[in-house]
Amino acid sequence: MTSANTPTPYVANASYYYVPSGATYSPFKAFDSSVNSMWWTLGRSPASLLSTDWVEVDLGSSFNISSLSVGPWHSQQPTQF
């Protein structure tokens, strides 16, 4: 993905994302196939909300997904699916 709704019909969304000065960690970056970008919730307050954050992509229609790869960045990794 190159933006929250490009390419169509995909739409990325999240409960929250970090927007520091001069950068963005938008939800679509979790789906952009780059190892140099990411969706990030740094700065979430209170910190207890971090455990409930989510990211999603709407694929535009229903179909079967035969495999899915979820990879952590740094030492963070998902614990619930």
Protein backbone atom coordinates (compact mmCIF):
# COMPACT_ATOMS: atom_id res chain seq x y z
CA MET A 1 0.00 0.00 0.00
CA THR A 2 1.11 3.56 -0.63
CA SER A 3 -1.58 5.39 1.39
CA ALA A 4 -4.57 4.60 3.61
CA ASN A 5 -6.72 3.80 0.55
CA THR A 6 -4.25 3.14 -2.28
CA PRO A 7 -4.38 0.92 -4.20
CA THR A 8 -8.14 0.59 -4.38
CA PRO A 9 -10.15 -1.16 -3.05
CA TYR A 10 -7.86 -1.59 0.00
CA VAL A 11 -8.42 0.57 3.10
CA ALA A 12 -6.11 0.48 6.14
CA ASN A 13 -7.26 1.62 9.57
CA ALA A 14 -6.10 1.43 13.19
CA SER A 15 -7.18 2.34 16.68
CA TYR A 16 -4.27 4.79 16.93
CA TYR A 17 -0.96 5.64 15.27
CA TYR A 18 2.05 7.74 16.17
CA VAL A 19 2.64 11.03 14.31
CA PRO A 20 5.95 12.60 15.35
CA SER A 21 7.24 15.81 13.77
CA GLY A 22 8.24 15.15 10.17
CA ALA A 23 7.20 11.47 10.04
CA THR A 24 4.19 9.22 10.23
CA TYR A 25 3.56 5.65 11.25
CA SER A 26 0.19 5.36 9.50
CA PRO A 27 -1.77 2.08 9.51
CA PHE A 28 -1.15 1.40 5.80
CA LYS A 29 2.56 1.05 6.58
CA ALA A 30 1.79 -2.29 8.22
CA PHE A 31 0.80 -3.50 4.73
CA ASP A 32 3.28 -1.71 2.42
CA SER A 33 5.71 -4.66 2.01
CA SER A 34 8.64 -2.55 3.19
CA VAL A 35 11.06 -3.57 5.95
CA ASN A 36 11.89 0.14 6.40
CA SER A 37 8.45 1.33 7.54
CA MET A 38 5.89 0.31 10.12
CA TRP A 39 2.66 1.11 11.90
CA TRP A 40 3.52 2.30 15.42
CA THR A 41 1.56 3.32 18.51
CA LEU A 42 4.42 4.96 20.43
CA GLY A 43 3.22 7.79 22.62
CA ARG A 44 -0.17 6.25 23.39
CA SER A 45 -1.50 7.56 26.68
CA PRO A 46 -2.24 6.02 29.06
CA ALA A 47 0.23 3.25 28.27
CA SER A 48 -2.36 0.63 29.28
CA LEU A 49 -4.17 1.35 26.00
CA LEU A 50 -1.25 -0.09 24.02
CA SER A 51 -2.40 -3.63 24.77
CA THR A 52 -5.74 -3.00 23.06
CA ASP A 53 -4.51 -1.26 19.88
CA TRP A 54 -5.39 -2.86 16.56
CA VAL A 55 -4.64 -2.48 12.86
CA GLU A 56 -6.75 -3.75 9.96
CA VAL A 57 -6.97 -3.73 6.20
CA ASP A 58 -10.25 -3.99 4.32
CA LEU A 59 -9.55 -5.95 1.14
CA GLY A 60 -12.72 -4.79 -0.59
CA SER A 61 -14.38 -8.18 -0.91
CA SER A 62 -14.47 -11.61 0.70
CA PHE A 63 -12.04 -14.30 -0.35
CA ASN A 64 -9.95 -17.06 1.21
CA ILE A 65 -6.45 -16.26 2.41
CA SER A 66 -4.28 -19.37 2.29
CA SER A 67 -1.40 -17.89 4.32
CA LEU A 68 -0.50 -14.82 6.35
CA SER A 69 2.83 -13.67 7.69
CA VAL A 70 3.04 -11.35 10.70
CA GLY A 71 6.48 -10.16 11.64
CA PRO A 72 7.61 -8.08 14.60
CA TRP A 73 9.75 -5.02 14.36
CA HIS A 74 12.54 -4.86 16.92
CA SER A 75 11.52 -6.76 20.07
CA GLN A 76 7.78 -6.20 19.77
CA GLN A 77 5.50 -8.94 18.55
CA PRO A 78 1.79 -9.65 18.47
CA THR A 79 0.43 -11.92 21.19
CA GLN A 80 -3.25 -12.12 20.27
CA PHE A 81 -4.99 -12.68 16.94
